[in-house]
Amino acid sequence: MLPQNPTAIPALEQKAAAADLSGVDAEGSFHGYASLFGIADLAGDTVMRGAFQRSIAARQPSGIRMLYQHDPAEPIGVWTEIREDGRGLFVRGRLMLDVGRAREVASLMRAGALDGLSIGFKTVRARADRQAGVRRLTEIDLWEISVVTFPMQPDARVSAVKADPNQPSSRLAARMRHAALSLNRRNPK
């Protein structure tokens, strides 16, 4: 159940996913996966398909914050699309480049120094699978998605990025091919 007072900030859990964000475009746009379904993270939690649906429907992308390192005092952009698909939680966002921290984040992304996405949430429903040693998250109240340094779920990656006019296109194309090959090897259909 979503909280009655949307301005009250509860104690949130956090889960991070690695992402190749080096190709953030000149407008600060990028996209990828903030969480993958059915894959245990380093803390032993597995997010199940459908876990985000109620929260996304209630909040919409405009109600889910883009933060830097989960710091509520560091909003850096907006999410323009957040949806579940067959793989996980797909996100598309835009850094607000007139904000100093967002310019720094864009620069760090382009250099490959910052490559993680992380969700900040409250668990609504979960069940422990003692045999597998994991907690299966079946409903999540999603509050924010952050760009972070250290990801908790290393297998989630950005699927594609727009070209930055300051980067040679062949370098970006090579990165995108490498990311796609890595994804296909890890997640065969």
N, C-alpha and C. Protein backbone atom coordinates (compact mmCIF):
# COMPACT_ATOMS: atom_id res chain seq x y z
N MET A 1 0.84 -1.17 0.00
CA MET A 1 0.00 0.00 0.00
C MET A 1 0.89 1.24 0.00
N LEU A 2 0.56 2.23 -0.81
CA LEU A 2 1.33 3.46 -0.88
C LEU A 2 1.02 4.33 0.32
N PRO A 3 2.01 5.10 0.82
CA PRO A 3 1.77 5.94 1.99
C PRO A 3 0.71 7.00 1.72
N GLN A 4 -0.03 7.37 2.77
CA GLN A 4 -1.06 8.40 2.65
C GLN A 4 -0.47 9.79 2.45
N ASN A 5 0.67 10.06 3.08
CA ASN A 5 1.32 11.36 2.97
C ASN A 5 2.51 11.24 2.03
N PRO A 6 2.38 11.65 0.75
CA PRO A 6 3.47 11.47 -0.20
C PRO A 6 4.70 12.32 0.10
N THR A 7 4.60 13.30 0.99
CA THR A 7 5.78 14.12 1.31
C THR A 7 6.59 13.52 2.44
N ALA A 8 6.03 12.57 3.18
CA ALA A 8 6.78 11.92 4.26
C ALA A 8 7.77 10.94 3.64
N ILE A 9 9.02 11.02 4.03
CA ILE A 9 10.04 10.14 3.48
C ILE A 9 10.31 9.02 4.48
N PRO A 10 9.91 7.79 4.11
CA PRO A 10 10.16 6.67 5.01
C PRO A 10 11.60 6.20 4.89
N ALA A 11 12.00 5.32 5.80
CA ALA A 11 13.32 4.69 5.67
C ALA A 11 13.26 3.80 4.43
N LEU A 12 14.12 4.07 3.46
CA LEU A 12 14.09 3.35 2.20
C LEU A 12 15.19 2.32 2.13
N GLU A 13 14.91 1.21 1.43
CA GLU A 13 15.93 0.23 1.09
C GLU A 13 16.54 0.68 -0.23
N GLN A 14 17.73 0.17 -0.54
CA GLN A 14 18.38 0.57 -1.77
C GLN A 14 18.99 -0.65 -2.45
N LYS A 15 18.86 -0.72 -3.77
CA LYS A 15 19.44 -1.77 -4.60
C LYS A 15 20.04 -1.11 -5.82
N ALA A 16 21.27 -1.43 -6.14
CA ALA A 16 21.96 -0.79 -7.25
C ALA A 16 22.28 -1.78 -8.36
N ALA A 17 22.33 -1.29 -9.59
CA ALA A 17 22.66 -2.09 -10.75
C ALA A 17 23.72 -1.37 -11.58
N ALA A 18 24.72 -2.11 -12.05
CA ALA A 18 25.76 -1.51 -12.89
C ALA A 18 25.17 -1.14 -14.24
N ALA A 19 25.66 -0.06 -14.82
CA ALA A 19 25.17 0.39 -16.11
C ALA A 19 26.26 1.14 -16.83
N ASP A 20 26.44 0.89 -18.14
CA ASP A 20 27.41 1.65 -18.92
C ASP A 20 26.74 2.94 -19.36
N LEU A 21 26.99 4.00 -18.63
CA LEU A 21 26.35 5.29 -18.91
C LEU A 21 27.30 6.25 -19.61
N SER A 22 28.38 5.72 -20.20
CA SER A 22 29.40 6.59 -20.79
C SER A 22 28.92 7.34 -22.02
N GLY A 23 27.81 6.97 -22.60
CA GLY A 23 27.33 7.61 -23.82
C GLY A 23 26.20 8.57 -23.61
N VAL A 24 26.05 9.11 -22.42
CA VAL A 24 24.99 10.08 -22.18
C VAL A 24 25.09 11.18 -23.24
N ASP A 25 23.95 11.55 -23.85
CA ASP A 25 23.99 12.47 -24.97
C ASP A 25 24.16 13.93 -24.53
N ALA A 26 24.25 14.82 -25.51
CA ALA A 26 24.51 16.23 -25.24
C ALA A 26 23.41 16.88 -24.41
N GLU A 27 22.19 16.35 -24.48
CA GLU A 27 21.09 16.88 -23.69
C GLU A 27 21.01 16.21 -22.32
N GLY A 28 21.90 15.27 -22.05
CA GLY A 28 21.90 14.58 -20.77
C GLY A 28 21.00 13.37 -20.71
N SER A 29 20.51 12.88 -21.85
CA SER A 29 19.60 11.74 -21.88
C SER A 29 20.34 10.41 -21.90
N PHE A 30 19.76 9.41 -21.22
CA PHE A 30 20.31 8.05 -21.21
C PHE A 30 19.18 7.10 -20.83
N HIS A 31 19.39 5.81 -21.06
CA HIS A 31 18.41 4.82 -20.64
C HIS A 31 19.06 3.48 -20.37
N GLY A 32 18.35 2.66 -19.61
CA GLY A 32 18.86 1.34 -19.27
C GLY A 32 17.96 0.65 -18.27
N TYR A 33 18.52 -0.27 -17.50
CA TYR A 33 17.77 -1.05 -16.52
C TYR A 33 18.25 -0.72 -15.12
N ALA A 34 17.31 -0.35 -14.26
CA ALA A 34 17.62 -0.05 -12.86
C ALA A 34 17.52 -1.30 -12.00
N SER A 35 16.85 -2.35 -12.50
CA SER A 35 16.70 -3.60 -11.77
C SER A 35 16.39 -4.70 -12.78
N LEU A 36 16.90 -5.91 -12.53
CA LEU A 36 16.60 -7.06 -13.38
C LEU A 36 15.78 -8.07 -12.60
N PHE A 37 14.80 -8.66 -13.27
CA PHE A 37 13.92 -9.62 -12.61
C PHE A 37 14.58 -11.00 -12.51
N GLY A 38 14.33 -11.65 -11.37
CA GLY A 38 14.74 -13.03 -11.20
C GLY A 38 16.22 -13.27 -10.98
N ILE A 39 16.98 -12.20 -10.77
CA ILE A 39 18.43 -12.33 -10.57
C ILE A 39 18.75 -11.81 -9.18
N ALA A 40 19.33 -12.67 -8.34
CA ALA A 40 19.68 -12.27 -6.98
C ALA A 40 20.78 -11.22 -7.02
N ASP A 41 20.62 -10.17 -6.21
CA ASP A 41 21.67 -9.16 -6.11
C ASP A 41 22.68 -9.58 -5.04
N LEU A 42 23.66 -8.75 -4.80
CA LEU A 42 24.72 -9.10 -3.86
C LEU A 42 24.24 -9.20 -2.41
N ALA A 43 23.05 -8.68 -2.11
CA ALA A 43 22.49 -8.78 -0.76
C ALA A 43 21.54 -9.98 -0.63
N GLY A 44 21.36 -10.73 -1.72
CA GLY A 44 20.50 -11.90 -1.67
C GLY A 44 19.03 -11.62 -1.92
N ASP A 45 18.71 -10.47 -2.49
CA ASP A 45 17.32 -10.14 -2.83
C ASP A 45 17.10 -10.36 -4.32
N THR A 46 15.92 -10.87 -4.66
CA THR A 46 15.53 -11.07 -6.05
C THR A 46 14.22 -10.34 -6.27
N VAL A 47 14.21 -9.42 -7.23
CA VAL A 47 12.99 -8.69 -7.58
C VAL A 47 12.23 -9.52 -8.59
N MET A 48 10.94 -9.72 -8.33
CA MET A 48 10.11 -10.54 -9.20
C MET A 48 9.33 -9.65 -10.18
N ARG A 49 9.05 -10.22 -11.36
CA ARG A 49 8.27 -9.51 -12.37
C ARG A 49 6.94 -9.04 -11.76
N GLY A 50 6.56 -7.81 -12.03
CA GLY A 50 5.31 -7.24 -11.52
C GLY A 50 5.47 -6.48 -10.22
N ALA A 51 6.66 -6.54 -9.61
CA ALA A 51 6.87 -5.91 -8.29
C ALA A 51 6.69 -4.40 -8.31
N PHE A 52 6.95 -3.75 -9.43
CA PHE A 52 6.90 -2.29 -9.51
C PHE A 52 5.58 -1.74 -10.04
N GLN A 53 4.72 -2.58 -10.57
CA GLN A 53 3.55 -2.11 -11.32
C GLN A 53 2.65 -1.14 -10.57
N ARG A 54 2.24 -1.48 -9.36
CA ARG A 54 1.34 -0.58 -8.61
C ARG A 54 2.00 0.75 -8.30
N SER A 55 3.26 0.71 -7.91
CA SER A 55 3.98 1.93 -7.56
C SER A 55 4.14 2.85 -8.76
N ILE A 56 4.52 2.28 -9.91
CA ILE A 56 4.69 3.09 -11.13
C ILE A 56 3.34 3.70 -11.53
N ALA A 57 2.28 2.91 -11.46
CA ALA A 57 0.95 3.43 -11.82
C ALA A 57 0.54 4.56 -10.90
N ALA A 58 0.84 4.44 -9.61
CA ALA A 58 0.45 5.47 -8.65
C ALA A 58 1.30 6.73 -8.75
N ARG A 59 2.60 6.57 -8.91
CA ARG A 59 3.51 7.72 -8.90
C ARG A 59 3.76 8.32 -10.28
N GLN A 60 3.78 7.49 -11.31
CA GLN A 60 4.18 7.91 -12.65
C GLN A 60 5.67 8.31 -12.62
N PRO A 61 6.35 8.37 -13.76
CA PRO A 61 7.77 8.75 -13.76
C PRO A 61 8.03 10.10 -13.09
N SER A 62 7.11 11.04 -13.25
CA SER A 62 7.33 12.37 -12.67
C SER A 62 7.34 12.36 -11.14
N GLY A 63 6.78 11.32 -10.52
CA GLY A 63 6.75 11.23 -9.06
C GLY A 63 7.87 10.39 -8.47
N ILE A 64 8.73 9.86 -9.32
CA ILE A 64 9.88 9.06 -8.87
C ILE A 64 11.12 9.89 -9.15
N ARG A 65 11.87 10.19 -8.13
CA ARG A 65 13.00 11.13 -8.24
C ARG A 65 14.27 10.50 -8.81
N MET A 66 15.03 11.31 -9.56
CA MET A 66 16.37 10.94 -9.99
C MET A 66 17.33 11.65 -9.05
N LEU A 67 18.07 10.87 -8.28
CA LEU A 67 19.01 11.43 -7.30
C LEU A 67 20.44 11.01 -7.61
N TYR A 68 21.36 11.69 -6.97
CA TYR A 68 22.76 11.32 -7.01
C TYR A 68 23.10 10.62 -5.70
N GLN A 69 23.53 9.37 -5.77
CA GLN A 69 23.98 8.59 -4.61
C GLN A 69 22.91 8.51 -3.50
N HIS A 70 21.65 8.45 -3.87
CA HIS A 70 20.52 8.34 -2.93
C HIS A 70 20.38 9.53 -1.99
N ASP A 71 20.96 10.66 -2.32
CA ASP A 71 20.90 11.83 -1.45
C ASP A 71 19.70 12.69 -1.84
N PRO A 72 18.68 12.80 -0.97
CA PRO A 72 17.50 13.59 -1.33
C PRO A 72 17.80 15.07 -1.53
N ALA A 73 18.96 15.53 -1.08
CA ALA A 73 19.36 16.92 -1.31
C ALA A 73 20.07 17.09 -2.65
N GLU A 74 20.20 15.99 -3.43
CA GLU A 74 20.94 16.03 -4.70
C GLU A 74 20.10 15.52 -5.88
N PRO A 75 18.95 16.16 -6.16
CA PRO A 75 18.24 15.78 -7.39
C PRO A 75 19.07 16.24 -8.59
N ILE A 76 19.17 15.37 -9.61
CA ILE A 76 20.04 15.70 -10.75
C ILE A 76 19.32 15.64 -12.10
N GLY A 77 18.07 15.24 -12.10
CA GLY A 77 17.37 15.14 -13.37
C GLY A 77 15.96 14.63 -13.18
N VAL A 78 15.38 14.17 -14.30
CA VAL A 78 14.01 13.65 -14.28
C VAL A 78 13.97 12.34 -15.04
N TRP A 79 13.08 11.46 -14.59
CA TRP A 79 12.81 10.24 -15.33
C TRP A 79 11.66 10.53 -16.27
N THR A 80 11.84 10.22 -17.53
CA THR A 80 10.81 10.45 -18.53
C THR A 80 10.04 9.19 -18.85
N GLU A 81 10.62 8.03 -18.53
CA GLU A 81 9.95 6.75 -18.75
C GLU A 81 10.46 5.75 -17.72
N ILE A 82 9.53 5.08 -17.07
CA ILE A 82 9.84 4.00 -16.15
C ILE A 82 8.79 2.93 -16.39
N ARG A 83 9.25 1.72 -16.75
CA ARG A 83 8.29 0.65 -17.03
C ARG A 83 8.94 -0.71 -16.81
N GLU A 84 8.10 -1.66 -16.53
CA GLU A 84 8.54 -3.05 -16.47
C GLU A 84 8.46 -3.64 -17.86
N ASP A 85 9.44 -4.47 -18.21
CA ASP A 85 9.36 -5.27 -19.42
C ASP A 85 9.78 -6.69 -19.05
N GLY A 86 10.05 -7.52 -19.99
CA GLY A 86 10.40 -8.91 -19.71
C GLY A 86 11.69 -9.09 -18.95
N ARG A 87 12.60 -8.13 -19.05
CA ARG A 87 13.91 -8.21 -18.38
C ARG A 87 13.92 -7.61 -16.99
N GLY A 88 13.26 -6.46 -16.84
CA GLY A 88 13.36 -5.77 -15.56
C GLY A 88 12.72 -4.40 -15.60
N LEU A 89 13.28 -3.50 -14.79
CA LEU A 89 12.77 -2.13 -14.69
C LEU A 89 13.55 -1.25 -15.66
N PHE A 90 12.94 -0.94 -16.80
CA PHE A 90 13.55 -0.10 -17.82
C PHE A 90 13.31 1.36 -17.46
N VAL A 91 14.37 2.17 -17.55
CA VAL A 91 14.24 3.59 -17.25
C VAL A 91 14.87 4.43 -18.35
N ARG A 92 14.28 5.59 -18.58
CA ARG A 92 14.83 6.59 -19.51
C ARG A 92 14.76 7.91 -18.76
N GLY A 93 15.87 8.62 -18.75
CA GLY A 93 15.89 9.88 -18.02
C GLY A 93 16.75 10.93 -18.67
N ARG A 94 16.69 12.14 -18.09
CA ARG A 94 17.47 13.26 -18.60
C ARG A 94 18.08 14.01 -17.43
N LEU A 95 19.40 14.14 -17.45
CA LEU A 95 20.09 14.96 -16.46
C LEU A 95 19.79 16.43 -16.75
N MET A 96 19.57 17.22 -15.73
CA MET A 96 19.33 18.65 -15.90
C MET A 96 20.69 19.35 -15.89
N LEU A 97 21.21 19.62 -17.08
CA LEU A 97 22.58 20.10 -17.21
C LEU A 97 22.77 21.55 -16.75
N ASP A 98 21.68 22.23 -16.39
CA ASP A 98 21.85 23.56 -15.80
C ASP A 98 22.07 23.45 -14.28
N VAL A 99 22.06 22.23 -13.76
CA VAL A 99 22.38 21.96 -12.34
C VAL A 99 23.83 21.49 -12.28
N GLY A 100 24.62 22.10 -11.42
CA GLY A 100 26.05 21.79 -11.33
C GLY A 100 26.36 20.33 -11.14
N ARG A 101 25.69 19.68 -10.18
CA ARG A 101 25.97 18.26 -9.91
C ARG A 101 25.63 17.40 -11.14
N ALA A 102 24.56 17.74 -11.84
CA ALA A 102 24.17 16.98 -13.03
C ALA A 102 25.23 17.09 -14.13
N ARG A 103 25.83 18.28 -14.29
CA ARG A 103 26.92 18.44 -15.26
C ARG A 103 28.09 17.54 -14.88
N GLU A 104 28.42 17.51 -13.57
CA GLU A 104 29.50 16.65 -13.09
C GLU A 104 29.19 15.18 -13.35
N VAL A 105 27.94 14.78 -13.07
CA VAL A 105 27.52 13.39 -13.29
C VAL A 105 27.63 13.04 -14.77
N ALA A 106 27.17 13.92 -15.64
CA ALA A 106 27.26 13.67 -17.09
C ALA A 106 28.71 13.47 -17.51
N SER A 107 29.59 14.31 -17.01
CA SER A 107 31.00 14.18 -17.33
C SER A 107 31.58 12.86 -16.84
N LEU A 108 31.23 12.48 -15.61
CA LEU A 108 31.70 11.21 -15.05
C LEU A 108 31.13 10.02 -15.81
N MET A 109 29.87 10.12 -16.24
CA MET A 109 29.27 9.05 -17.04
C MET A 109 30.03 8.89 -18.35
N ARG A 110 30.27 10.00 -19.02
CA ARG A 110 30.97 9.94 -20.31
C ARG A 110 32.36 9.35 -20.18
N ALA A 111 33.01 9.60 -19.05
CA ALA A 111 34.35 9.06 -18.83
C ALA A 111 34.32 7.61 -18.36
N GLY A 112 33.15 7.09 -18.04
CA GLY A 112 33.04 5.72 -17.54
C GLY A 112 33.35 5.59 -16.06
N ALA A 113 33.45 6.71 -15.35
CA ALA A 113 33.78 6.68 -13.92
C ALA A 113 32.55 6.46 -13.05
N LEU A 114 31.38 6.68 -13.58
CA LEU A 114 30.13 6.51 -12.84
C LEU A 114 29.24 5.64 -13.71
N ASP A 115 28.91 4.44 -13.22
CA ASP A 115 28.22 3.50 -14.11
C ASP A 115 27.14 2.67 -13.43
N GLY A 116 26.58 3.16 -12.35
CA GLY A 116 25.57 2.36 -11.66
C GLY A 116 24.23 3.06 -11.54
N LEU A 117 23.18 2.25 -11.48
CA LEU A 117 21.84 2.72 -11.18
C LEU A 117 21.37 1.98 -9.94
N SER A 118 20.60 2.65 -9.10
CA SER A 118 20.17 2.05 -7.84
C SER A 118 18.77 2.51 -7.50
N ILE A 119 17.93 1.59 -7.02
CA ILE A 119 16.57 1.94 -6.65
C ILE A 119 16.47 2.17 -5.15
N GLY A 120 15.69 3.17 -4.76
CA GLY A 120 15.37 3.44 -3.36
C GLY A 120 13.89 3.14 -3.18
N PHE A 121 13.54 2.24 -2.27
CA PHE A 121 12.18 1.74 -2.18
C PHE A 121 11.84 1.26 -0.78
N LYS A 122 10.55 0.99 -0.59
CA LYS A 122 10.06 0.29 0.60
C LYS A 122 9.49 -1.03 0.13
N THR A 123 9.81 -2.08 0.85
CA THR A 123 9.23 -3.38 0.53
C THR A 123 7.79 -3.42 1.01
N VAL A 124 6.87 -3.74 0.10
CA VAL A 124 5.47 -3.90 0.44
C VAL A 124 5.19 -5.37 0.73
N ARG A 125 5.65 -6.24 -0.18
CA ARG A 125 5.49 -7.68 0.01
C ARG A 125 6.75 -8.40 -0.43
N ALA A 126 7.15 -9.38 0.38
CA ALA A 126 8.30 -10.22 0.06
C ALA A 126 8.12 -11.56 0.75
N ARG A 127 8.83 -12.54 0.23
CA ARG A 127 8.82 -13.84 0.90
C ARG A 127 10.24 -14.38 0.91
N ALA A 128 10.59 -14.97 2.02
CA ALA A 128 11.92 -15.57 2.17
C ALA A 128 11.91 -16.96 1.55
N ASP A 129 12.92 -17.23 0.75
CA ASP A 129 13.13 -18.56 0.20
C ASP A 129 14.37 -19.10 0.90
N ARG A 130 14.16 -19.75 2.04
CA ARG A 130 15.28 -20.21 2.85
C ARG A 130 16.15 -21.23 2.12
N GLN A 131 15.52 -22.06 1.31
CA GLN A 131 16.27 -23.07 0.57
C GLN A 131 17.25 -22.41 -0.40
N ALA A 132 16.80 -21.39 -1.12
CA ALA A 132 17.66 -20.69 -2.07
C ALA A 132 18.50 -19.61 -1.39
N GLY A 133 18.13 -19.25 -0.16
CA GLY A 133 18.88 -18.22 0.56
C GLY A 133 18.65 -16.82 0.03
N VAL A 134 17.46 -16.57 -0.50
CA VAL A 134 17.14 -15.24 -1.04
C VAL A 134 15.81 -14.75 -0.50
N ARG A 135 15.61 -13.45 -0.61
CA ARG A 135 14.32 -12.82 -0.32
C ARG A 135 13.74 -12.43 -1.67
N ARG A 136 12.53 -12.88 -1.97
CA ARG A 136 11.88 -12.57 -3.23
C ARG A 136 10.94 -11.38 -3.01
N LEU A 137 11.27 -10.26 -3.66
CA LEU A 137 10.48 -9.04 -3.53
C LEU A 137 9.36 -9.09 -4.57
N THR A 138 8.10 -9.16 -4.10
CA THR A 138 6.97 -9.30 -5.00
C THR A 138 6.18 -8.01 -5.19
N GLU A 139 6.34 -7.06 -4.27
CA GLU A 139 5.75 -5.72 -4.45
C GLU A 139 6.67 -4.70 -3.79
N ILE A 140 6.99 -3.67 -4.58
CA ILE A 140 7.93 -2.64 -4.15
C ILE A 140 7.27 -1.27 -4.32
N ASP A 141 7.41 -0.43 -3.32
CA ASP A 141 6.97 0.97 -3.39
C ASP A 141 8.20 1.79 -3.78
N LEU A 142 8.32 2.10 -5.06
CA LEU A 142 9.51 2.77 -5.62
C LEU A 142 9.43 4.28 -5.38
N TRP A 143 10.45 4.82 -4.71
CA TRP A 143 10.50 6.25 -4.42
C TRP A 143 11.50 7.00 -5.29
N GLU A 144 12.64 6.38 -5.55
CA GLU A 144 13.67 7.09 -6.31
C GLU A 144 14.58 6.09 -7.01
N ILE A 145 15.25 6.59 -8.04
CA ILE A 145 16.29 5.84 -8.74
C ILE A 145 17.48 6.77 -8.82
N SER A 146 18.63 6.27 -8.33
CA SER A 146 19.84 7.09 -8.27
C SER A 146 20.91 6.62 -9.24
N VAL A 147 21.72 7.57 -9.65
CA VAL A 147 22.98 7.25 -10.32
C VAL A 147 24.00 7.09 -9.20
N VAL A 148 24.68 5.93 -9.17
CA VAL A 148 25.57 5.61 -8.06
C VAL A 148 26.92 5.09 -8.55
N THR A 149 27.87 5.07 -7.63
CA THR A 149 29.21 4.56 -7.91
C THR A 149 29.27 3.04 -7.82
N PHE A 150 28.69 2.47 -6.75
CA PHE A 150 28.81 1.03 -6.51
C PHE A 150 27.46 0.35 -6.66
N PRO A 151 27.28 -0.45 -7.70
CA PRO A 151 26.01 -1.14 -7.92
C PRO A 151 25.87 -2.41 -7.08
N MET A 152 24.64 -2.71 -6.73
CA MET A 152 24.33 -3.92 -5.97
C MET A 152 24.00 -5.08 -6.90
N GLN A 153 23.47 -4.80 -8.09
CA GLN A 153 23.09 -5.84 -9.04
C GLN A 153 23.94 -5.69 -10.30
N PRO A 154 25.12 -6.31 -10.34
CA PRO A 154 26.07 -6.07 -11.41
C PRO A 154 25.64 -6.49 -12.81
N ASP A 155 24.64 -7.37 -12.95
CA ASP A 155 24.27 -7.84 -14.29
C ASP A 155 23.33 -6.93 -15.05
N ALA A 156 22.74 -5.92 -14.43
CA ALA A 156 21.86 -5.00 -15.16
C ALA A 156 22.71 -3.97 -15.87
N ARG A 157 22.43 -3.73 -17.15
CA ARG A 157 23.22 -2.82 -17.97
C ARG A 157 22.33 -1.92 -18.80
N VAL A 158 22.85 -0.78 -19.18
CA VAL A 158 22.16 0.09 -20.12
C VAL A 158 22.14 -0.61 -21.47
N SER A 159 20.98 -0.61 -22.11
CA SER A 159 20.85 -1.31 -23.38
C SER A 159 21.32 -0.47 -24.56
N ALA A 160 21.17 0.83 -24.49
CA ALA A 160 21.59 1.71 -25.58
C ALA A 160 21.65 3.13 -25.05
N VAL A 161 22.47 3.93 -25.69
CA VAL A 161 22.61 5.33 -25.32
C VAL A 161 22.66 6.16 -26.59
N LYS A 162 22.28 7.41 -26.49
CA LYS A 162 22.39 8.31 -27.63
C LYS A 162 23.83 8.80 -27.74
N ALA A 163 24.21 9.13 -28.93
CA ALA A 163 25.57 9.60 -29.17
C ALA A 163 25.79 10.99 -28.61
N ASP A 164 26.98 11.21 -28.11
CA ASP A 164 27.42 12.53 -27.67
C ASP A 164 28.22 13.12 -28.82
N PRO A 165 27.86 14.30 -29.31
CA PRO A 165 28.58 14.86 -30.45
C PRO A 165 30.05 15.11 -30.16
N ASN A 166 30.47 15.13 -28.89
CA ASN A 166 31.87 15.33 -28.56
C ASN A 166 32.67 14.04 -28.56
N GLN A 167 32.01 12.89 -28.74
CA GLN A 167 32.72 11.61 -28.79
C GLN A 167 32.74 11.12 -30.22
N PRO A 168 33.85 10.52 -30.65
CA PRO A 168 33.85 9.92 -31.98
C PRO A 168 32.80 8.82 -32.06
N SER A 169 32.03 8.80 -33.16
CA SER A 169 30.94 7.84 -33.27
C SER A 169 31.43 6.40 -33.27
N SER A 170 32.61 6.13 -33.81
CA SER A 170 33.12 4.76 -33.84
C SER A 170 33.39 4.26 -32.42
N ARG A 171 33.85 5.12 -31.54
CA ARG A 171 34.12 4.73 -30.15
C ARG A 171 32.80 4.37 -29.45
N LEU A 172 31.77 5.18 -29.66
CA LEU A 172 30.47 4.91 -29.06
C LEU A 172 29.89 3.62 -29.63
N ALA A 173 29.98 3.44 -30.93
CA ALA A 173 29.45 2.23 -31.55
C ALA A 173 30.14 0.99 -31.00
N ALA A 174 31.45 1.06 -30.79
CA ALA A 174 32.18 -0.07 -30.23
C ALA A 174 31.70 -0.38 -28.81
N ARG A 175 31.47 0.66 -28.01
CA ARG A 175 30.96 0.45 -26.64
C ARG A 175 29.58 -0.20 -26.66
N MET A 176 28.73 0.27 -27.57
CA MET A 176 27.38 -0.27 -27.65
C MET A 176 27.42 -1.74 -28.09
N ARG A 177 28.28 -2.08 -29.08
CA ARG A 177 28.40 -3.47 -29.51
C ARG A 177 28.89 -4.34 -28.37
N HIS A 178 29.89 -3.86 -27.62
CA HIS A 178 30.43 -4.61 -26.49
C HIS A 178 29.35 -4.84 -25.43
N ALA A 179 28.57 -3.80 -25.11
CA ALA A 179 27.50 -3.93 -24.11
C ALA A 179 26.45 -4.93 -24.58
N ALA A 180 26.07 -4.86 -25.86
CA ALA A 180 25.06 -5.78 -26.39
C ALA A 180 25.56 -7.22 -26.36
N LEU A 181 26.81 -7.43 -26.73
CA LEU A 181 27.38 -8.79 -26.69
C LEU A 181 27.42 -9.32 -25.26
N SER A 182 27.81 -8.45 -24.32
CA SER A 182 27.85 -8.87 -22.92
C SER A 182 26.47 -9.25 -22.42
N LEU A 183 25.46 -8.46 -22.79
CA LEU A 183 24.09 -8.77 -22.37
C LEU A 183 23.62 -10.08 -22.96
N ASN A 184 23.90 -10.30 -24.25
CA ASN A 184 23.45 -11.53 -24.90
C ASN A 184 24.11 -12.76 -24.28
N ARG A 185 25.38 -12.65 -23.91
CA ARG A 185 26.06 -13.78 -23.28
C ARG A 185 25.50 -14.07 -21.91
N ARG A 186 25.14 -13.02 -21.15
CA ARG A 186 24.63 -13.21 -19.79
C ARG A 186 23.18 -13.62 -19.77
N ASN A 187 22.41 -13.15 -20.73
CA ASN A 187 20.96 -13.39 -20.73
C ASN A 187 20.50 -13.95 -22.07
N PRO A 188 20.90 -15.17 -22.43
CA PRO A 188 20.44 -15.72 -23.72
C PRO A 188 18.94 -15.91 -23.71
N LYS A 189 18.34 -15.74 -24.87
CA LYS A 189 16.87 -15.87 -24.97
C LYS A 189 16.44 -17.31 -24.98
